[in-house]
Amino acid sequence: MNVKTIVDPFCEKPAVPASSRFADRLAERWRLSDFFELTKPRVMVLAVFTAVVGLISAHSELDPTRALVAVLSIAAGAGAAGALNMWYDADIDAVMARTSMRPIPRGSVSRVEALVFGAILGAVAVVVLALATNLTAAVLLACTILFYVVVYTTWLKRLTPQNIVIGGAAGALPPVIGWAAATGQLGLEPLALFLIIFLWTPPHFWALALNRSDDYARAGVPMLPVVAGRRATARQILIYSGLLVLASELPWVLGFASTVYGVIAAISGALFLLLARQLNSTVGADRRAAHRLFVFSISYLFVLFAALLIDQGRNSFPSMRSSLDGRTAGSVHAELLPDTVRSACCTVNFSEVSHAI
């Protein structure tokens, strides 16, 4: 027996059980899902959807690659805002039943991790959007993130019952960013889309808050039902619903949506107004009436913007297809490079690059 045979058994690494490796992989997946949850996926989907409608409505000769990058950047920006919101609101999220199982309160993600994740994601989103489209869209995205985090989350939310009214401007900006990504400028059309979401936000969230007022009161958040009561909140919901119904017809009035959209907006608006009136007429703002309005408000915004997307897409999608005619894959990738990099590639015979976006 030599020294090697004596030492080898002690040098051998113990085999890792298969169950342990599976547990590690599972824990890693859970951690990724926790960070994804920080981005508030449902809010992010709404932001992306309305941004796509704004982008398509611009009727620019869209390059599909740039359009895709723009949409992904806006999604990342919305996710960053959600993560930074959860970072700052971790204390009140832990108190409220509705939010107590978010990643930070349940201990899956630390506040520092959420802060770093949100800051990096937001910075990357803004830079990529600037490189892929234009500075106007990137500045708008940066302002949206800052407004949501600094103005709404850290200031208005805990200060005034009008928090959701003013703070709703951040959630209303994605279609404006989408339009700016396609055109490099603003116009009446994206501002009309902004106004629709801006006026939709108060009745949507106040309808939710009516049934969560105890939660908000426990956390010290001065939502309107907590400060002014259920009756006053129902009255404000009815007022904003009326303004919303009028604003929803602006795309048709301004001429960038068809009569079909106008009819859909009118029918949907009548139903929205009816539910708001029912809520206002019930004694003590009935919980069931508030829940019905809250649920319908989600469908209402989706139907409105889906009608716009179909209406505008009939003219925009052919332009997107034609923008790729006669071009190679290399030319598409070349468009995403800064001018200085493209000039260094003078020996490569790229096709003519469209600057529609």
Protein backbone atom coordinates (compact mmCIF):
# COMPACT_ATOMS: atom_id res chain seq x y z
CA MET A 1 0.00 0.00 0.00
CA ASN A 2 1.50 3.33 -1.03
CA VAL A 3 0.79 6.87 0.13
CA LYS A 4 -1.50 7.62 -2.87
CA THR A 5 -3.93 4.84 -2.01
CA ILE A 6 -4.16 6.13 1.55
CA VAL A 7 -4.67 9.81 0.62
CA ASP A 8 -7.06 9.34 -2.33
CA PRO A 9 -10.11 8.33 -0.30
CA PHE A 10 -9.76 11.51 1.77
CA CYS A 11 -9.31 13.70 -1.33
CA GLU A 12 -12.36 12.46 -3.13
CA LYS A 13 -15.21 14.99 -3.25
CA PRO A 14 -18.45 13.65 -1.95
CA ALA A 15 -21.02 13.12 -4.68
CA VAL A 16 -23.81 15.71 -4.73
CA PRO A 17 -27.16 13.95 -4.55
CA ALA A 18 -29.41 14.42 -7.57
CA SER A 19 -32.17 15.73 -5.29
CA SER A 20 -29.83 18.50 -4.06
CA ARG A 21 -28.94 19.57 -7.61
CA PHE A 22 -32.64 19.66 -8.47
CA ALA A 23 -33.35 21.77 -5.38
CA ASP A 24 -30.60 24.23 -6.39
CA ARG A 25 -32.00 24.59 -9.90
CA LEU A 26 -35.49 25.03 -8.51
CA ALA A 27 -34.30 27.71 -6.09
CA GLU A 28 -32.59 29.53 -8.96
CA ARG A 29 -35.78 29.48 -11.01
CA TRP A 30 -37.77 30.78 -8.06
CA ARG A 31 -35.27 33.60 -7.60
CA LEU A 32 -35.58 34.60 -11.24
CA SER A 33 -39.35 34.58 -10.90
CA ASP A 34 -39.02 36.80 -7.82
CA PHE A 35 -37.08 39.41 -9.81
CA PHE A 36 -39.60 39.13 -12.63
CA GLU A 37 -42.37 39.74 -10.09
CA LEU A 38 -40.59 42.94 -9.04
CA THR A 39 -41.33 44.36 -12.49
CA LYS A 40 -45.11 44.21 -11.88
CA PRO A 41 -45.78 42.11 -15.01
CA ARG A 42 -49.47 42.97 -15.34
CA VAL A 43 -48.78 46.70 -15.23
CA MET A 44 -45.89 46.19 -17.63
CA VAL A 45 -48.12 44.37 -20.13
CA LEU A 46 -50.58 47.28 -20.09
CA ALA A 47 -47.74 49.77 -20.67
CA VAL A 48 -46.37 47.72 -23.57
CA PHE A 49 -49.79 47.28 -25.15
CA THR A 50 -50.59 51.01 -25.11
CA ALA A 51 -47.07 51.82 -26.32
CA VAL A 52 -47.53 49.50 -29.31
CA VAL A 53 -50.78 51.29 -30.16
CA GLY A 54 -48.98 54.63 -30.03
CA LEU A 55 -46.15 53.30 -32.20
CA ILE A 56 -48.51 51.80 -34.80
CA SER A 57 -50.72 54.90 -34.84
CA ALA A 58 -47.77 57.02 -35.98
CA HIS A 59 -48.06 55.54 -39.51
CA SER A 60 -44.33 55.81 -39.94
CA GLU A 61 -42.50 53.42 -42.27
CA LEU A 62 -41.58 51.23 -39.36
CA ASP A 63 -38.52 49.06 -39.40
CA PRO A 64 -39.65 45.91 -37.56
CA THR A 65 -36.30 45.40 -35.84
CA ARG A 66 -36.21 48.91 -34.39
CA ALA A 67 -39.88 48.69 -33.47
CA LEU A 68 -39.26 45.45 -31.55
CA VAL A 69 -36.28 46.94 -29.71
CA ALA A 70 -38.36 50.01 -28.86
CA VAL A 71 -41.17 47.89 -27.43
CA LEU A 72 -38.74 45.78 -25.38
CA SER A 73 -37.05 48.93 -24.07
CA ILE A 74 -40.37 50.41 -23.00
CA ALA A 75 -41.23 47.10 -21.29
CA ALA A 76 -37.89 47.15 -19.46
CA GLY A 77 -38.45 50.78 -18.44
CA ALA A 78 -41.90 49.96 -17.06
CA GLY A 79 -40.43 46.97 -15.21
CA ALA A 80 -37.68 49.13 -13.74
CA ALA A 81 -40.25 51.62 -12.45
CA GLY A 82 -42.18 48.77 -10.85
CA ALA A 83 -39.07 47.37 -9.16
CA LEU A 84 -38.06 50.78 -7.79
CA ASN A 85 -41.61 51.30 -6.56
CA MET A 86 -41.46 48.00 -4.65
CA TRP A 87 -38.05 48.97 -3.26
CA TYR A 88 -39.35 52.21 -1.75
CA ASP A 89 -42.79 50.89 -0.72
CA ALA A 90 -41.49 47.72 0.99
CA ASP A 91 -42.55 49.03 4.42
CA ILE A 92 -46.20 49.65 3.49
CA ASP A 93 -46.33 46.56 1.25
CA ALA A 94 -45.57 44.46 4.33
CA VAL A 95 -48.58 45.96 6.15
CA MET A 96 -51.18 45.66 3.38
CA ALA A 97 -52.83 42.29 2.78
CA ARG A 98 -52.93 42.86 -0.99
CA THR A 99 -49.16 43.37 -1.23
CA SER A 100 -47.75 41.43 1.73
CA MET A 101 -46.66 38.53 -0.49
CA ARG A 102 -44.58 40.61 -2.84
CA PRO A 103 -40.91 39.51 -3.10
CA ILE A 104 -39.43 42.01 -0.61
CA PRO A 105 -41.98 41.64 2.22
CA ARG A 106 -41.80 37.84 2.05
CA GLY A 107 -37.98 37.96 2.13
CA SER A 108 -37.26 36.54 -1.34
CA VAL A 109 -35.45 39.68 -2.51
CA SER A 110 -33.69 42.30 -0.37
CA ARG A 111 -34.38 46.02 -0.73
CA VAL A 112 -30.81 46.61 -1.91
CA GLU A 113 -31.16 43.96 -4.60
CA ALA A 114 -34.43 45.52 -5.76
CA LEU A 115 -32.85 48.99 -5.90
CA VAL A 116 -29.83 47.83 -7.89
CA PHE A 117 -31.96 45.70 -10.21
CA GLY A 118 -34.42 48.53 -10.92
CA ALA A 119 -31.71 51.17 -11.43
CA ILE A 120 -29.68 49.03 -13.85
CA LEU A 121 -32.75 47.86 -15.77
CA GLY A 122 -34.01 51.44 -16.13
CA ALA A 123 -30.63 52.78 -17.28
CA VAL A 124 -30.22 50.01 -19.86
CA ALA A 125 -33.76 50.56 -21.16
CA VAL A 126 -33.20 54.28 -21.71
CA VAL A 127 -29.79 53.84 -23.38
CA VAL A 128 -30.99 51.07 -25.69
CA LEU A 129 -34.07 53.07 -26.70
CA ALA A 130 -31.87 56.09 -27.51
CA LEU A 131 -29.54 54.00 -29.66
CA ALA A 132 -32.30 52.09 -31.44
CA THR A 133 -34.69 54.98 -32.09
CA ASN A 134 -34.12 58.59 -31.02
CA LEU A 135 -33.30 60.85 -28.11
CA THR A 136 -36.86 62.18 -27.75
CA ALA A 137 -38.28 58.74 -26.97
CA ALA A 138 -35.40 57.96 -24.59
CA VAL A 139 -35.86 61.22 -22.66
CA LEU A 140 -39.60 60.55 -22.38
CA LEU A 141 -38.92 57.05 -21.02
CA ALA A 142 -36.41 58.40 -18.50
CA CYS A 143 -38.85 61.10 -17.38
CA THR A 144 -41.63 58.50 -17.02
CA ILE A 145 -39.50 56.31 -14.75
CA LEU A 146 -38.36 59.28 -12.66
CA PHE A 147 -41.88 60.71 -12.40
CA TYR A 148 -43.33 57.39 -11.25
CA VAL A 149 -40.57 56.71 -8.73
CA VAL A 150 -39.69 60.18 -7.43
CA VAL A 151 -42.86 62.24 -7.85
CA TYR A 152 -45.52 59.56 -7.29
CA THR A 153 -43.91 56.85 -5.15
CA THR A 154 -41.68 58.84 -2.82
CA TRP A 155 -43.78 62.02 -2.60
CA LEU A 156 -47.43 62.08 -3.69
CA LYS A 157 -48.51 58.58 -2.68
CA ARG A 158 -48.09 59.24 1.04
CA LEU A 159 -48.95 62.93 0.93
CA THR A 160 -52.26 63.61 -0.83
CA PRO A 161 -55.52 61.85 -1.78
CA GLN A 162 -54.93 63.19 -5.30
CA ASN A 163 -51.87 60.93 -5.53
CA ILE A 164 -53.36 58.66 -8.18
CA VAL A 165 -54.63 61.58 -10.27
CA ILE A 166 -51.27 63.31 -10.63
CA GLY A 167 -49.23 60.12 -10.50
CA GLY A 168 -51.39 58.63 -13.23
CA ALA A 169 -49.49 60.76 -15.75
CA ALA A 170 -46.63 58.25 -15.61
CA GLY A 171 -48.90 55.37 -16.59
CA ALA A 172 -50.39 57.43 -19.40
CA LEU A 173 -47.08 58.15 -21.14
CA PRO A 174 -46.27 54.81 -22.87
CA PRO A 175 -48.33 55.55 -26.04
CA VAL A 176 -46.57 58.91 -26.26
CA ILE A 177 -43.20 57.16 -25.99
CA GLY A 178 -44.25 54.67 -28.67
CA TRP A 179 -45.27 57.51 -31.00
CA ALA A 180 -42.01 59.37 -30.33
CA ALA A 181 -40.00 56.19 -31.00
CA ALA A 182 -41.59 55.99 -34.46
CA THR A 183 -41.50 59.68 -35.39
CA GLY A 184 -38.99 61.45 -33.15
CA GLN A 185 -41.59 64.05 -32.22
CA LEU A 186 -44.93 64.60 -30.49
CA GLY A 187 -48.38 65.50 -31.80
CA LEU A 188 -52.05 65.79 -30.92
CA GLU A 189 -52.68 62.10 -31.59
CA PRO A 190 -50.42 60.67 -28.83
CA LEU A 191 -51.60 63.38 -26.44
CA ALA A 192 -55.18 62.21 -27.03
CA LEU A 193 -54.12 58.66 -26.10
CA PHE A 194 -52.33 60.08 -23.05
CA LEU A 195 -55.51 61.88 -21.96
CA ILE A 196 -57.61 58.72 -22.26
CA ILE A 197 -55.34 56.73 -19.92
CA PHE A 198 -54.87 59.72 -17.61
CA LEU A 199 -58.64 60.08 -17.10
CA TRP A 200 -59.13 56.30 -16.89
CA THR A 201 -56.68 55.91 -14.01
CA PRO A 202 -58.66 57.61 -11.16
CA PRO A 203 -61.96 55.71 -11.58
CA HIS A 204 -60.07 52.45 -12.11
CA PHE A 205 -57.93 52.71 -8.97
CA TRP A 206 -60.54 54.41 -6.79
CA ALA A 207 -62.96 51.56 -7.57
CA LEU A 208 -60.27 49.20 -6.28
CA ALA A 209 -59.50 51.42 -3.28
CA LEU A 210 -63.16 51.47 -2.21
CA ASN A 211 -62.86 47.79 -1.34
CA ARG A 212 -59.33 48.12 0.05
CA SER A 213 -59.76 51.24 2.19
CA ASP A 214 -58.96 49.37 5.42
CA ASP A 215 -55.71 48.18 3.88
CA TYR A 216 -54.70 51.69 2.83
CA ALA A 217 -55.73 53.18 6.19
CA ARG A 218 -53.61 50.58 8.02
CA ALA A 219 -50.60 51.47 5.86
CA GLY A 220 -51.15 55.22 6.27
CA VAL A 221 -51.72 55.85 2.56
CA PRO A 222 -54.21 58.74 2.10
CA MET A 223 -56.24 57.26 -0.74
CA LEU A 224 -59.44 59.18 -1.49
CA PRO A 225 -61.84 56.65 0.17
CA VAL A 226 -59.76 56.83 3.37
CA VAL A 227 -59.67 60.63 3.49
CA ALA A 228 -62.97 61.71 1.91
CA GLY A 229 -65.17 58.64 2.43
CA ARG A 230 -66.98 56.27 0.09
CA ARG A 231 -69.73 58.65 -1.01
CA ALA A 232 -67.32 61.42 -2.08
CA THR A 233 -65.13 58.87 -3.86
CA ALA A 234 -68.09 57.46 -5.81
CA ARG A 235 -69.01 60.99 -6.89
CA GLN A 236 -65.46 61.68 -8.10
CA ILE A 237 -65.48 58.37 -9.99
CA LEU A 238 -68.65 59.45 -11.81
CA ILE A 239 -67.14 62.83 -12.75
CA TYR A 240 -63.93 61.32 -14.10
CA SER A 241 -65.90 58.62 -15.92
CA GLY A 242 -67.86 61.30 -17.78
CA LEU A 243 -64.66 63.09 -18.76
CA LEU A 244 -63.16 59.75 -19.85
CA VAL A 245 -66.09 58.95 -22.13
CA LEU A 246 -65.69 62.34 -23.84
CA ALA A 247 -61.92 61.93 -24.18
CA SER A 248 -62.28 58.45 -25.65
CA GLU A 249 -63.89 59.98 -28.75
CA LEU A 250 -60.90 62.26 -29.43
CA PRO A 251 -59.13 59.83 -31.80
CA TRP A 252 -62.25 59.84 -33.99
CA VAL A 253 -62.79 63.61 -33.63
CA LEU A 254 -59.18 64.32 -34.58
CA GLY A 255 -59.52 62.08 -37.63
CA PHE A 256 -56.91 59.43 -36.91
CA ALA A 257 -59.47 56.74 -36.02
CA SER A 258 -62.41 55.51 -38.08
CA THR A 259 -66.12 55.70 -37.35
CA VAL A 260 -66.01 52.04 -36.28
CA TYR A 261 -63.67 53.02 -33.44
CA GLY A 262 -65.95 55.93 -32.57
CA VAL A 263 -68.96 53.60 -32.26
CA ILE A 264 -67.01 51.09 -30.14
CA ALA A 265 -65.79 53.90 -27.87
CA ALA A 266 -69.33 55.26 -27.52
CA ILE A 267 -70.84 51.87 -26.59
CA SER A 268 -68.02 51.01 -24.19
CA GLY A 269 -68.19 54.47 -22.67
CA ALA A 270 -71.95 54.21 -22.12
CA LEU A 271 -71.44 50.96 -20.20
CA PHE A 272 -68.62 52.50 -18.16
CA LEU A 273 -70.78 55.50 -17.32
CA LEU A 274 -73.71 53.27 -16.40
CA LEU A 275 -71.60 51.28 -13.92
CA ALA A 276 -70.17 54.49 -12.45
CA ARG A 277 -73.69 55.88 -12.04
CA GLN A 278 -74.84 52.66 -10.36
CA LEU A 279 -71.92 52.92 -7.95
CA ASN A 280 -72.73 56.54 -7.17
CA SER A 281 -76.43 55.79 -6.57
CA THR A 282 -75.90 52.87 -4.17
CA VAL A 283 -76.00 53.56 -0.45
CA GLY A 284 -72.47 53.73 0.90
CA ALA A 285 -70.90 52.88 -2.46
CA ASP A 286 -71.75 49.17 -2.53
CA ARG A 287 -68.71 46.85 -2.63
CA ARG A 288 -70.17 44.74 -5.43
CA ALA A 289 -70.82 47.80 -7.57
CA ALA A 290 -67.25 48.98 -7.00
CA HIS A 291 -65.87 45.57 -7.94
CA ARG A 292 -67.97 45.44 -11.12
CA LEU A 293 -66.66 48.84 -12.20
CA PHE A 294 -63.08 47.88 -11.40
CA VAL A 295 -63.25 44.68 -13.44
CA PHE A 296 -65.01 46.36 -16.35
CA SER A 297 -62.52 49.24 -16.40
CA ILE A 298 -59.74 46.79 -17.28
CA SER A 299 -61.74 45.36 -20.19
CA TYR A 300 -62.77 48.86 -21.24
CA LEU A 301 -59.21 50.11 -21.75
CA PHE A 302 -58.20 46.92 -23.54
CA VAL A 303 -61.19 47.09 -25.93
CA LEU A 304 -60.56 50.77 -26.63
CA PHE A 305 -56.88 50.34 -27.49
CA ALA A 306 -57.45 47.04 -29.29
CA ALA A 307 -59.96 48.81 -31.55
CA LEU A 308 -57.39 51.53 -32.19
CA LEU A 309 -54.68 48.95 -32.88
CA ILE A 310 -56.80 47.13 -35.45
CA ASP A 311 -57.94 50.42 -36.96
CA GLN A 312 -54.44 51.85 -37.28
CA GLY A 313 -52.71 48.56 -38.05
CA ARG A 314 -54.48 48.17 -41.38
CA ASN A 315 -52.39 51.05 -42.73
CA SER A 316 -49.21 50.54 -40.74
CA PHE A 317 -48.48 46.84 -41.19
CA PRO A 318 -48.12 47.05 -45.00
CA SER A 319 -45.54 49.81 -44.44
CA MET A 320 -43.64 47.58 -42.04
CA ARG A 321 -43.53 44.79 -44.61
CA SER A 322 -42.48 47.09 -47.44
CA SER A 323 -39.70 48.57 -45.33
CA LEU A 324 -37.93 45.19 -45.51
CA ASP A 325 -38.21 44.80 -49.29
CA GLY A 326 -34.86 44.44 -51.04
CA ARG A 327 -32.87 44.48 -47.82
CA THR A 328 -30.55 41.91 -46.34
CA ALA A 329 -30.36 40.78 -42.74
CA GLY A 330 -27.04 42.62 -42.50
CA SER A 331 -28.64 45.91 -43.42
CA VAL A 332 -31.26 45.50 -40.69
CA HIS A 333 -28.59 44.89 -38.07
CA ALA A 334 -26.53 47.78 -39.42
CA GLU A 335 -29.35 50.21 -38.66
CA LEU A 336 -29.02 49.49 -34.96
CA LEU A 337 -25.34 50.51 -34.97
CA PRO A 338 -24.27 54.08 -34.22
CA ASP A 339 -23.21 56.13 -37.27
CA THR A 340 -19.54 55.99 -36.28
CA VAL A 341 -19.58 52.20 -36.28
CA ARG A 342 -21.40 52.01 -39.62
CA SER A 343 -18.86 54.35 -41.24
CA ALA A 344 -16.05 52.08 -40.09
CA CYS A 345 -17.68 49.26 -42.06
CA CYS A 346 -17.29 51.02 -45.42
CA THR A 347 -15.88 47.90 -47.05
CA VAL A 348 -19.17 46.08 -46.52
CA ASN A 349 -21.78 46.66 -49.23
CA PHE A 350 -24.90 47.20 -47.08
CA SER A 351 -28.27 47.93 -48.70
CA GLU A 352 -29.80 51.36 -48.33
CA VAL A 353 -30.91 51.87 -44.75
CA SER A 354 -34.30 53.36 -43.93
CA HIS A 355 -34.36 56.12 -41.32
CA ALA A 356 -38.09 55.98 -40.72
CA ILE A 357 -37.59 55.53 -36.99
